[in-house]
Every structure is written in structure tokens, then in C-alpha cells.
PDB file of N, CA and C in Angstrom:
ATOM      1  N   MET A   1    -163.413 -40.896   0.775  1.00  0.00           N
ATOM      2  CA  MET A   1    -165.132 -40.345   0.433  1.00  0.00           C
ATOM      3  C   MET A   1    -164.799 -38.552   0.336  1.00  0.00           C
ATOM      4  N   VAL A   2    -166.018 -38.143  -0.163  1.00  0.00           N
ATOM      5  CA  VAL A   2    -166.126 -36.469  -0.552  1.00  0.00           C
ATOM      6  C   VAL A   2    -166.638 -35.765   0.407  1.00  0.00           C
ATOM      7  N   HIS A   3    -166.028 -34.449   0.843  1.00  0.00           N
ATOM      8  CA  HIS A   3    -167.052 -33.947   2.296  1.00  0.00           C
ATOM      9  C   HIS A   3    -167.446 -32.453   1.016  1.00  0.00           C
ATOM     10  N   ASN A   4    -168.593 -32.055   1.734  1.00  0.00           N
ATOM     11  CA  ASN A   4    -168.831 -31.333   1.403  1.00  0.00           C
ATOM     12  C   ASN A   4    -169.393 -29.792   1.969  1.00  0.00           C
ATOM     13  N   GLN A   5    -169.711 -28.530   1.281  1.00  0.00           N
ATOM     14  CA  GLN A   5    -170.638 -27.629   2.192  1.00  0.00           C
ATOM     15  C   GLN A   5    -171.822 -26.786   1.334  1.00  0.00           C
ATOM     16  N   ILE A   6    -172.327 -28.237   0.870  1.00  0.00           N
ATOM     17  CA  ILE A   6    -173.445 -27.471  -0.339  1.00  0.00           C
ATOM     18  C   ILE A   6    -174.890 -26.700   0.999  1.00  0.00           C
ATOM     19  N   THR A   7    -174.778 -27.892   2.170  1.00  0.00           N
ATOM     20  CA  THR A   7    -175.859 -26.970   3.107  1.00  0.00           C
ATOM     21  C   THR A   7    -175.630 -25.895   3.233  1.00  0.00           C
ATOM     22  N   LEU A   8    -174.157 -25.689   3.952  1.00  0.00           N
ATOM     23  CA  LEU A   8    -173.736 -24.381   4.243  1.00  0.00           C
ATOM     24  C   LEU A   8    -174.077 -23.271   3.144  1.00  0.00           C
ATOM     25  N   PHE A   9    -173.838 -23.159   2.085  1.00  0.00           N
ATOM     26  CA  PHE A   9    -173.795 -22.497   0.671  1.00  0.00           C
ATOM     27  C   PHE A   9    -175.442 -21.996   0.487  1.00  0.00           C
ATOM     28  N   ARG A  10    -176.257 -23.316   0.191  1.00  0.00           N
ATOM     29  CA  ARG A  10    -177.449 -23.371   0.042  1.00  0.00           C
ATOM     30  C   ARG A  10    -178.480 -22.669   1.132  1.00  0.00           C
ATOM     31  N   ILE A  11    -178.282 -22.858   2.532  1.00  0.00           N
ATOM     32  CA  ILE A  11    -178.858 -22.107   3.513  1.00  0.00           C
ATOM     33  C   ILE A  11    -178.307 -20.744   3.098  1.00  0.00           C
ATOM     34  N   GLU A  12    -177.034 -20.237   3.079  1.00  0.00           N
ATOM     35  CA  GLU A  12    -176.594 -18.723   3.075  1.00  0.00           C
ATOM     36  C   GLU A  12    -177.232 -18.110   2.321  1.00  0.00           C
ATOM     37  N   ARG A  13    -177.448 -18.784   0.807  1.00  0.00           N
ATOM     38  CA  ARG A  13    -177.672 -17.843  -0.248  1.00  0.00           C
ATOM     39  C   ARG A  13    -179.373 -18.171  -0.048  1.00  0.00           C
ATOM     40  N   GLY A  14    -180.043 -18.533   0.473  1.00  0.00           N
ATOM     41  CA  GLY A  14    -181.191 -18.752   0.750  1.00  0.00           C
ATOM     42  C   GLY A  14    -182.310 -19.389  -0.193  1.00  0.00           C
ATOM     43  N   LEU A  15    -181.388 -20.701  -0.677  1.00  0.00           N
ATOM     44  CA  LEU A  15    -182.071 -21.693  -1.494  1.00  0.00           C
ATOM     45  C   LEU A  15    -182.295 -22.938  -0.764  1.00  0.00           C
ATOM     46  N   SER A  16    -183.401 -23.120  -1.156  1.00  0.00           N
ATOM     47  CA  SER A  16    -184.151 -24.757  -1.173  1.00  0.00           C
ATOM     48  C   SER A  16    -183.686 -25.865  -1.691  1.00  0.00           C
ATOM     49  N   ARG A  17    -183.902 -26.959  -1.052  1.00  0.00           N
ATOM     50  CA  ARG A  17    -182.693 -27.902  -1.939  1.00  0.00           C
ATOM     51  C   ARG A  17    -183.580 -28.002  -3.454  1.00  0.00           C
ATOM     52  N   LYS A  18    -184.911 -27.787  -3.375  1.00  0.00           N
ATOM     53  CA  LYS A  18    -185.614 -27.514  -4.707  1.00  0.00           C
ATOM     54  C   LYS A  18    -185.343 -26.848  -5.593  1.00  0.00           C
ATOM     55  N   ASP A  19    -184.922 -25.353  -4.940  1.00  0.00           N
ATOM     56  CA  ASP A  19    -184.584 -24.338  -5.717  1.00  0.00           C
ATOM     57  C   ASP A  19    -182.658 -24.588  -6.651  1.00  0.00           C
ATOM     58  N   LEU A  20    -182.225 -25.258  -5.422  1.00  0.00           N
ATOM     59  CA  LEU A  20    -180.992 -25.761  -5.894  1.00  0.00           C
ATOM     60  C   LEU A  20    -180.915 -27.034  -6.903  1.00  0.00           C
ATOM     61  N   ALA A  21    -181.822 -27.712  -7.274  1.00  0.00           N
ATOM     62  CA  ALA A  21    -181.895 -28.913  -7.755  1.00  0.00           C
ATOM     63  C   ALA A  21    -182.105 -28.306  -9.308  1.00  0.00           C
ATOM     64  N   ALA A  22    -183.261 -27.261  -8.993  1.00  0.00           N
ATOM     65  CA  ALA A  22    -183.534 -26.639 -10.700  1.00  0.00           C
ATOM     66  C   ALA A  22    -182.218 -25.892 -11.270  1.00  0.00           C
ATOM     67  N   ALA A  23    -181.472 -25.333 -10.512  1.00  0.00           N
ATOM     68  CA  ALA A  23    -180.592 -24.389 -10.871  1.00  0.00           C
ATOM     69  C   ALA A  23    -179.616 -25.215 -11.801  1.00  0.00           C
ATOM     70  N   VAL A  24    -179.358 -26.927 -11.373  1.00  0.00           N
ATOM     71  CA  VAL A  24    -178.386 -27.902 -11.501  1.00  0.00           C
ATOM     72  C   VAL A  24    -179.021 -28.465 -12.828  1.00  0.00           C
ATOM     73  N   GLY A  25    -180.168 -28.355 -12.518  1.00  0.00           N
ATOM     74  CA  GLY A  25    -180.730 -29.737 -13.518  1.00  0.00           C
ATOM     75  C   GLY A  25    -180.687 -30.921 -12.688  1.00  0.00           C
ATOM     76  N   VAL A  26    -181.129 -31.532 -11.666  1.00  0.00           N
ATOM     77  CA  VAL A  26    -181.147 -32.677 -10.621  1.00  0.00           C
ATOM     78  C   VAL A  26    -182.337 -32.786 -10.244  1.00  0.00           C
ATOM     79  N   ASN A  27    -182.516 -33.911  -9.274  1.00  0.00           N
ATOM     80  CA  ASN A  27    -184.005 -33.955  -8.392  1.00  0.00           C
ATOM     81  C   ASN A  27    -183.793 -33.574  -7.317  1.00  0.00           C
ATOM     82  N   PRO A  28    -184.515 -32.838  -6.452  1.00  0.00           N
ATOM     83  CA  PRO A  28    -184.370 -32.474  -5.136  1.00  0.00           C
ATOM     84  C   PRO A  28    -183.535 -34.142  -3.930  1.00  0.00           C
ATOM     85  N   GLN A  29    -184.113 -34.583  -4.633  1.00  0.00           N
ATOM     86  CA  GLN A  29    -183.673 -35.733  -3.562  1.00  0.00           C
ATOM     87  C   GLN A  29    -182.110 -36.197  -3.905  1.00  0.00           C
ATOM     88  N   THR A  30    -181.077 -35.472  -4.999  1.00  0.00           N
ATOM     89  CA  THR A  30    -179.824 -35.863  -5.141  1.00  0.00           C
ATOM     90  C   THR A  30    -179.267 -35.093  -4.687  1.00  0.00           C
ATOM     91  N   ILE A  31    -179.759 -33.650  -4.486  1.00  0.00           N
ATOM     92  CA  ILE A  31    -179.332 -32.370  -4.147  1.00  0.00           C
ATOM     93  C   ILE A  31    -179.029 -32.933  -1.908  1.00  0.00           C
ATOM     94  N   GLY A  32    -180.351 -33.741  -1.386  1.00  0.00           N
ATOM     95  CA  GLY A  32    -180.032 -34.351  -0.079  1.00  0.00           C
ATOM     96  C   GLY A  32    -179.404 -35.323   0.120  1.00  0.00           C
ATOM     97  N   PHE A  33    -179.215 -36.204  -1.123  1.00  0.00           N
ATOM     98  CA  PHE A  33    -177.966 -37.255  -1.241  1.00  0.00           C
ATOM     99  C   PHE A  33    -176.671 -36.652  -1.075  1.00  0.00           C
ATOM    100  N   LEU A  34    -176.520 -35.616  -1.761  1.00  0.00           N
ATOM    101  CA  LEU A  34    -175.274 -34.739  -1.925  1.00  0.00           C
ATOM    102  C   LEU A  34    -174.654 -34.218  -0.306  1.00  0.00           C
ATOM    103  N   GLU A  35    -175.851 -33.672   0.188  1.00  0.00           N
ATOM    104  CA  GLU A  35    -175.450 -32.759   1.721  1.00  0.00           C
ATOM    105  C   GLU A  35    -175.822 -34.049   2.518  1.00  0.00           C
ATOM    106  N   ARG A  36    -176.379 -35.212   2.373  1.00  0.00           N
ATOM    107  CA  ARG A  36    -175.763 -35.972   3.563  1.00  0.00           C
ATOM    108  C   ARG A  36    -174.577 -37.125   3.495  1.00  0.00           C
ATOM    109  N   GLY A  37    -173.729 -36.892   1.959  1.00  0.00           N
ATOM    110  CA  GLY A  37    -172.594 -37.456   1.792  1.00  0.00           C
ATOM    111  C   GLY A  37    -173.016 -38.998   1.350  1.00  0.00           C
ATOM    112  N   THR A  38    -174.282 -39.077   0.782  1.00  0.00           N
ATOM    113  CA  THR A  38    -174.473 -40.780   0.399  1.00  0.00           C
ATOM    114  C   THR A  38    -174.507 -40.653  -0.529  1.00  0.00           C
ATOM    115  N   TYR A  39    -173.825 -39.711  -1.209  1.00  0.00           N
ATOM    116  CA  TYR A  39    -173.754 -39.832  -2.976  1.00  0.00           C
ATOM    117  C   TYR A  39    -172.596 -38.751  -3.081  1.00  0.00           C
ATOM    118  N   ASN A  40    -171.657 -39.415  -3.958  1.00  0.00           N
ATOM    119  CA  ASN A  40    -170.866 -38.027  -4.796  1.00  0.00           C
ATOM    120  C   ASN A  40    -170.998 -37.690  -5.843  1.00  0.00           C
ATOM    121  N   PRO A  41    -170.653 -36.295  -6.362  1.00  0.00           N
ATOM    122  CA  PRO A  41    -171.101 -35.866  -7.811  1.00  0.00           C
ATOM    123  C   PRO A  41    -170.414 -36.045  -8.750  1.00  0.00           C
ATOM    124  N   SER A  42    -170.674 -36.339  -9.878  1.00  0.00           N
ATOM    125  CA  SER A  42    -170.011 -36.189 -11.154  1.00  0.00           C
ATOM    126  C   SER A  42    -169.106 -34.781 -11.543  1.00  0.00           C
ATOM    127  N   VAL A  43    -168.405 -34.950 -12.152  1.00  0.00           N
ATOM    128  CA  VAL A  43    -167.212 -33.799 -12.181  1.00  0.00           C
ATOM    129  C   VAL A  43    -168.484 -32.400 -12.648  1.00  0.00           C
ATOM    130  N   GLU A  44    -169.294 -33.019 -13.775  1.00  0.00           N
ATOM    131  CA  GLU A  44    -169.883 -31.793 -14.537  1.00  0.00           C
ATOM    132  C   GLU A  44    -170.596 -31.212 -13.274  1.00  0.00           C
ATOM    133  N   LEU A  45    -171.655 -32.226 -12.053  1.00  0.00           N
ATOM    134  CA  LEU A  45    -172.635 -31.884 -11.197  1.00  0.00           C
ATOM    135  C   LEU A  45    -171.668 -30.869 -10.026  1.00  0.00           C
ATOM    136  N   ALA A  46    -170.383 -31.407  -9.823  1.00  0.00           N
ATOM    137  CA  ALA A  46    -169.513 -30.776  -9.246  1.00  0.00           C
ATOM    138  C   ALA A  46    -169.669 -28.874  -9.769  1.00  0.00           C
ATOM    139  N   LEU A  47    -169.201 -29.247 -10.606  1.00  0.00           N
ATOM    140  CA  LEU A  47    -168.646 -27.975 -11.306  1.00  0.00           C
ATOM    141  C   LEU A  47    -169.855 -26.996 -11.525  1.00  0.00           C
ATOM    142  N   LYS A  48    -171.263 -27.390 -11.711  1.00  0.00           N
ATOM    143  CA  LYS A  48    -172.456 -26.731 -11.998  1.00  0.00           C
ATOM    144  C   LYS A  48    -172.621 -26.287 -10.255  1.00  0.00           C
ATOM    145  N   LEU A  49    -172.650 -27.137  -9.290  1.00  0.00           N
ATOM    146  CA  LEU A  49    -172.768 -26.486  -7.912  1.00  0.00           C
ATOM    147  C   LEU A  49    -171.600 -25.162  -7.956  1.00  0.00           C
ATOM    148  N   ALA A  50    -170.669 -25.482  -7.763  1.00  0.00           N
ATOM    149  CA  ALA A  50    -169.510 -24.217  -7.492  1.00  0.00           C
ATOM    150  C   ALA A  50    -169.776 -23.099  -8.511  1.00  0.00           C
ATOM    151  N   ALA A  51    -170.227 -23.390  -9.716  1.00  0.00           N
ATOM    152  CA  ALA A  51    -170.816 -22.079 -10.797  1.00  0.00           C
ATOM    153  C   ALA A  51    -172.028 -21.226  -9.774  1.00  0.00           C
ATOM    154  N   VAL A  52    -173.216 -22.364  -9.446  1.00  0.00           N
ATOM    155  CA  VAL A  52    -174.199 -21.418  -8.872  1.00  0.00           C
ATOM    156  C   VAL A  52    -173.568 -20.669  -7.707  1.00  0.00           C
ATOM    157  N   PHE A  53    -172.925 -21.098  -7.003  1.00  0.00           N
ATOM    158  CA  PHE A  53    -172.713 -20.575  -5.509  1.00  0.00           C
ATOM    159  C   PHE A  53    -171.300 -19.627  -5.853  1.00  0.00           C
ATOM    160  N   GLY A  54    -170.445 -19.194  -7.256  1.00  0.00           N
ATOM    161  CA  GLY A  54    -169.695 -18.556  -7.293  1.00  0.00           C
ATOM    162  C   GLY A  54    -168.415 -18.879  -6.754  1.00  0.00           C
ATOM    163  N   VAL A  55    -167.995 -20.215  -6.588  1.00  0.00           N
ATOM    164  CA  VAL A  55    -166.838 -20.290  -5.744  1.00  0.00           C
ATOM    165  C   VAL A  55    -166.377 -21.682  -6.508  1.00  0.00           C
ATOM    166  N   PRO A  56    -164.928 -21.594  -6.280  1.00  0.00           N
ATOM    167  CA  PRO A  56    -164.104 -22.892  -6.783  1.00  0.00           C
ATOM    168  C   PRO A  56    -164.826 -24.053  -6.419  1.00  0.00           C
ATOM    169  N   VAL A  57    -164.247 -25.329  -6.909  1.00  0.00           N
ATOM    170  CA  VAL A  57    -165.205 -26.203  -6.595  1.00  0.00           C
ATOM    171  C   VAL A  57    -164.677 -26.962  -5.254  1.00  0.00           C
ATOM    172  N   ASP A  58    -163.030 -26.449  -5.348  1.00  0.00           N
ATOM    173  CA  ASP A  58    -162.226 -26.945  -3.962  1.00  0.00           C
ATOM    174  C   ASP A  58    -162.816 -26.125  -2.706  1.00  0.00           C
ATOM    175  N   THR A  59    -163.793 -25.179  -2.747  1.00  0.00           N
ATOM    176  CA  THR A  59    -164.255 -24.232  -1.595  1.00  0.00           C
ATOM    177  C   THR A  59    -165.297 -24.911  -1.199  1.00  0.00           C
ATOM    178  N   LEU A  60    -166.131 -25.571  -2.260  1.00  0.00           N
ATOM    179  CA  LEU A  60    -167.416 -26.311  -2.203  1.00  0.00           C
ATOM    180  C   LEU A  60    -167.162 -28.411  -1.657  1.00  0.00           C
ATOM    181  N   PHE A  61    -165.999 -28.898  -2.590  1.00  0.00           N
ATOM    182  CA  PHE A  61    -165.710 -29.925  -1.691  1.00  0.00           C
ATOM    183  C   PHE A  61    -164.326 -30.523  -1.600  1.00  0.00           C
ATOM    184  N   SER A  62    -164.187 -31.429  -0.550  1.00  0.00           N
ATOM    185  CA  SER A  62    -162.540 -31.587  -0.206  1.00  0.00           C
ATOM    186  C   SER A  62    -162.791 -33.164   0.015  1.00  0.00           C
ATOM    187  N   LEU A  63    -161.831 -33.610  -0.428  1.00  0.00           N
ATOM    188  CA  LEU A  63    -161.752 -35.368   0.209  1.00  0.00           C
ATOM    189  C   LEU A  63    -160.932 -35.279   1.674  1.00  0.00           C
ATOM    190  N   ASN A  64    -160.606 -34.042   2.120  1.00  0.00           N
ATOM    191  CA  ASN A  64    -160.356 -34.209   3.773  1.00  0.00           C
ATOM    192  C   ASN A  64    -160.924 -33.510   4.807  1.00  0.00           C
ATOM    193  N   GLY A  65    -161.861 -33.172   3.944  1.00  0.00           N
ATOM    194  CA  GLY A  65    -162.979 -32.818   5.023  1.00  0.00           C
ATOM    195  C   GLY A  65    -162.819 -30.881   5.525  1.00  0.00           C
ATOM    196  N   PHE A  66    -163.354 -30.436   6.494  1.00  0.00           N
ATOM    197  CA  PHE A  66    -164.285 -28.977   6.530  1.00  0.00           C
ATOM    198  C   PHE A  66    -163.603 -28.609   7.295  1.00  0.00           C
ATOM    199  N   PRO A  67    -163.230 -27.480   8.617  1.00  0.00           N
ATOM    200  CA  PRO A  67    -162.855 -27.433   9.736  1.00  0.00           C
ATOM    201  C   PRO A  67    -164.400 -27.214   9.849  1.00  0.00           C
ATOM    202  N   SER A  68    -165.040 -27.106  11.197  1.00  0.00           N
ATOM    203  CA  SER A  68    -166.475 -26.696  11.667  1.00  0.00           C
ATOM    204  C   SER A  68    -166.706 -25.220  11.493  1.00  0.00           C
ATOM    205  N   LEU A  69    -167.845 -25.074  11.377  1.00  0.00           N
ATOM    206  CA  LEU A  69    -168.163 -23.203  11.046  1.00  0.00           C
ATOM    207  C   LEU A  69    -167.559 -22.539  12.085  1.00  0.00           C
ATOM    208  N   ALA A  70    -167.439 -22.938  13.535  1.00  0.00           N
ATOM    209  CA  ALA A  70    -166.702 -22.025  14.572  1.00  0.00           C
ATOM    210  C   ALA A  70    -165.536 -22.022  14.107  1.00  0.00           C
ATOM    211  N   THR A  71    -164.706 -22.859  13.757  1.00  0.00           N
ATOM    212  CA  THR A  71    -163.367 -23.067  13.851  1.00  0.00           C
ATOM    213  C   THR A  71    -162.924 -22.292  12.231  1.00  0.00           C
ATOM    214  N   GLN A  72    -164.013 -21.551  11.249  1.00  0.00           N
ATOM    215  CA  GLN A  72    -163.747 -20.660  10.140  1.00  0.00           C
ATOM    216  C   GLN A  72    -164.349 -19.554  10.457  1.00  0.00           C
ATOM    217  N   ILE A  73    -165.150 -19.549  11.762  1.00  0.00           N
ATOM    218  CA  ILE A  73    -165.586 -18.191  11.861  1.00  0.00           C
ATOM    219  C   ILE A  73    -164.239 -17.423  12.809  1.00  0.00           C
ATOM    220  N   ALA A  74    -164.086 -18.292  13.614  1.00  0.00           N
ATOM    221  CA  ALA A  74    -162.487 -17.640  14.732  1.00  0.00           C
ATOM    222  C   ALA A  74    -161.507 -17.545  13.672  1.00  0.00           C
ATOM    223  N   GLY A  75    -161.263 -18.140  12.775  1.00  0.00           N
ATOM    224  CA  GLY A  75    -160.059 -17.881  11.884  1.00  0.00           C
ATOM    225  C   GLY A  75    -160.358 -16.302  10.989  1.00  0.00           C
ATOM    226  N   ASN A  76    -161.653 -16.256  10.486  1.00  0.00           N
ATOM    227  CA  ASN A  76    -161.628 -14.850   9.901  1.00  0.00           C
ATOM    228  C   ASN A  76    -162.109 -13.992  10.896  1.00  0.00           C
ATOM    229  N   ALA A  77    -162.469 -13.977  12.049  1.00  0.00           N
ATOM    230  CA  ALA A  77    -162.349 -13.091  12.950  1.00  0.00           C
ATOM    231  C   ALA A  77    -161.124 -12.698  13.166  1.00  0.00           C
ATOM    232  N   ASN A  78    -159.897 -13.543  13.433  1.00  0.00           N
ATOM    233  CA  ASN A  78    -158.780 -13.414  14.016  1.00  0.00           C
ATOM    234  C   ASN A  78    -157.747 -12.486  12.856  1.00  0.00           C
ATOM    235  N   ARG A  79    -158.412 -13.231  11.270  1.00  0.00           N
ATOM    236  CA  ARG A  79    -157.296 -12.694   9.706  1.00  0.00           C
ATOM    237  C   ARG A  79    -157.889 -10.867  10.481  1.00  0.00           C
ATOM    238  N   GLN A  80    -159.556 -10.773  10.364  1.00  0.00           N
ATOM    239  CA  GLN A  80    -159.730  -9.600  10.445  1.00  0.00           C
ATOM    240  C   GLN A  80    -159.013  -8.148  11.308  1.00  0.00           C
ATOM    241  N   LYS A  81    -159.018  -9.268  12.722  1.00  0.00           N
ATOM    242  CA  LYS A  81    -158.222  -8.161  13.641  1.00  0.00           C
ATOM    243  C   LYS A  81    -157.081  -8.053  13.422  1.00  0.00           C
ATOM    244  N   GLU A  82    -156.360  -9.298  12.514  1.00  0.00           N
ATOM    245  CA  GLU A  82    -154.930  -8.495  12.391  1.00  0.00           C
ATOM    246  C   GLU A  82    -154.690  -8.005  11.169  1.00  0.00           C
ATOM    247  N   PHE A  83    -155.720  -7.766  10.308  1.00  0.00           N
ATOM    248  CA  PHE A  83    -155.908  -6.686   9.225  1.00  0.00           C
ATOM    249  C   PHE A  83    -155.838  -5.170   9.771  1.00  0.00           C
ATOM    250  N   GLU A  84    -156.953  -5.253  11.157  1.00  0.00           N
ATOM    251  CA  GLU A  84    -156.948  -3.726  10.979  1.00  0.00           C
ATOM    252  C   GLU A  84    -156.027  -3.534  12.193  1.00  0.00           C
ATOM    253  N   ASP A  85    -155.386  -4.515  12.496  1.00  0.00           N
ATOM    254  CA  ASP A  85    -153.748  -4.028  13.779  1.00  0.00           C
ATOM    255  C   ASP A  85    -152.764  -3.226  12.566  1.00  0.00           C
ATOM    256  N   ASP A  86    -152.438  -3.637  11.222  1.00  0.00           N
ATOM    257  CA  ASP A  86    -151.709  -3.195  10.551  1.00  0.00           C
ATOM    258  C   ASP A  86    -151.885  -2.222  10.039  1.00  0.00           C
TER     259      ASP A  86
END
């Protein structure tokens, strides 16, 4: 199964499914299917989505899943604190 963070990036950027679909040339339903994990993107679509968000493909998609948002936030806070302590 391919896991993704499309919803997170889309909402963070203030894009609707329709806006994102237009940006990558697909139907808005396709974005919904991708976000729910019921459809895996082609390599071309994965690259287009990553380009829209300005991130590497492996930041958006993973075979192993992603840590929860709370875990990611906690990790970022810890890294920031370590940086400030140096």
C-alpha cells in the first residue's frame, strides 16, 4: 500500500481538491481517491503532485506510512530546542 500526505499538504496550502486537481490535470475525484488511499498514483502524477507542493516525492508518498502529525510536531519542537541550546 502507498501512503501519502496529500491532504496535509493540500490543506496547509489552502487548496481545494478542485484546485489541486486542476494544477495536476486530473479530476477532483481522483484527488479524493488518492487522499483516501483507494488509488495509487502513476509516477507522472506523483511527480506532478510533489512539484505543486515543492517537496520531494518521498516527502509526499511512502510505502511504510508516516508518523502521526502530533509525533512530527513534537519531533520538530525537540529539534528546534536542541538547535537553540547549541
